Amino acid sequence: MRSGRYESSDGIRTTATAITFFIIGAGAGALAALLLAPKTGRQFRRDLQRGYDDAREAFGDWADDAADNIRGRVREAGDVVRDAATRGIKVASDLAGDLRESARENIEPIRRAVRRS
């Protein structure tokens, strides 16, 4: 069995785990505080409902902000793709014109030779 200091190779995972446990602990602490507070059942239920409504509203606001952010990024990505496609079509069109011109230049001597014979 190994002994010694543990070092994680992934700092993001460690941070996410710490944040997750912090949120769980904060929620458990808040619930314990509510359960142990000297309030009547009616007051407790009202406070619990307010807390639930506040949390739901905050999550809804966060979800709306996240959705707006994603929509904006998708719109930006669409603009980038559209611009790249437009540039690609222009390059292909220019290349096709150059190839046509080159073919005409190379075919013209052959036509003249065929006409002479």
Foldseek 3Di string as FASTA:
>chain_A
DDDDDDDDPDPVVVVVVVVVVVVVVVVVVVVVCLVPDPDDPVVSVVVVVVVVVVVVVVVVVVVVVVVVVVVVVVVVVVVVVVVVVVVVVVVVVVVVVVVVVVVCVVCVVVVVVVVVD
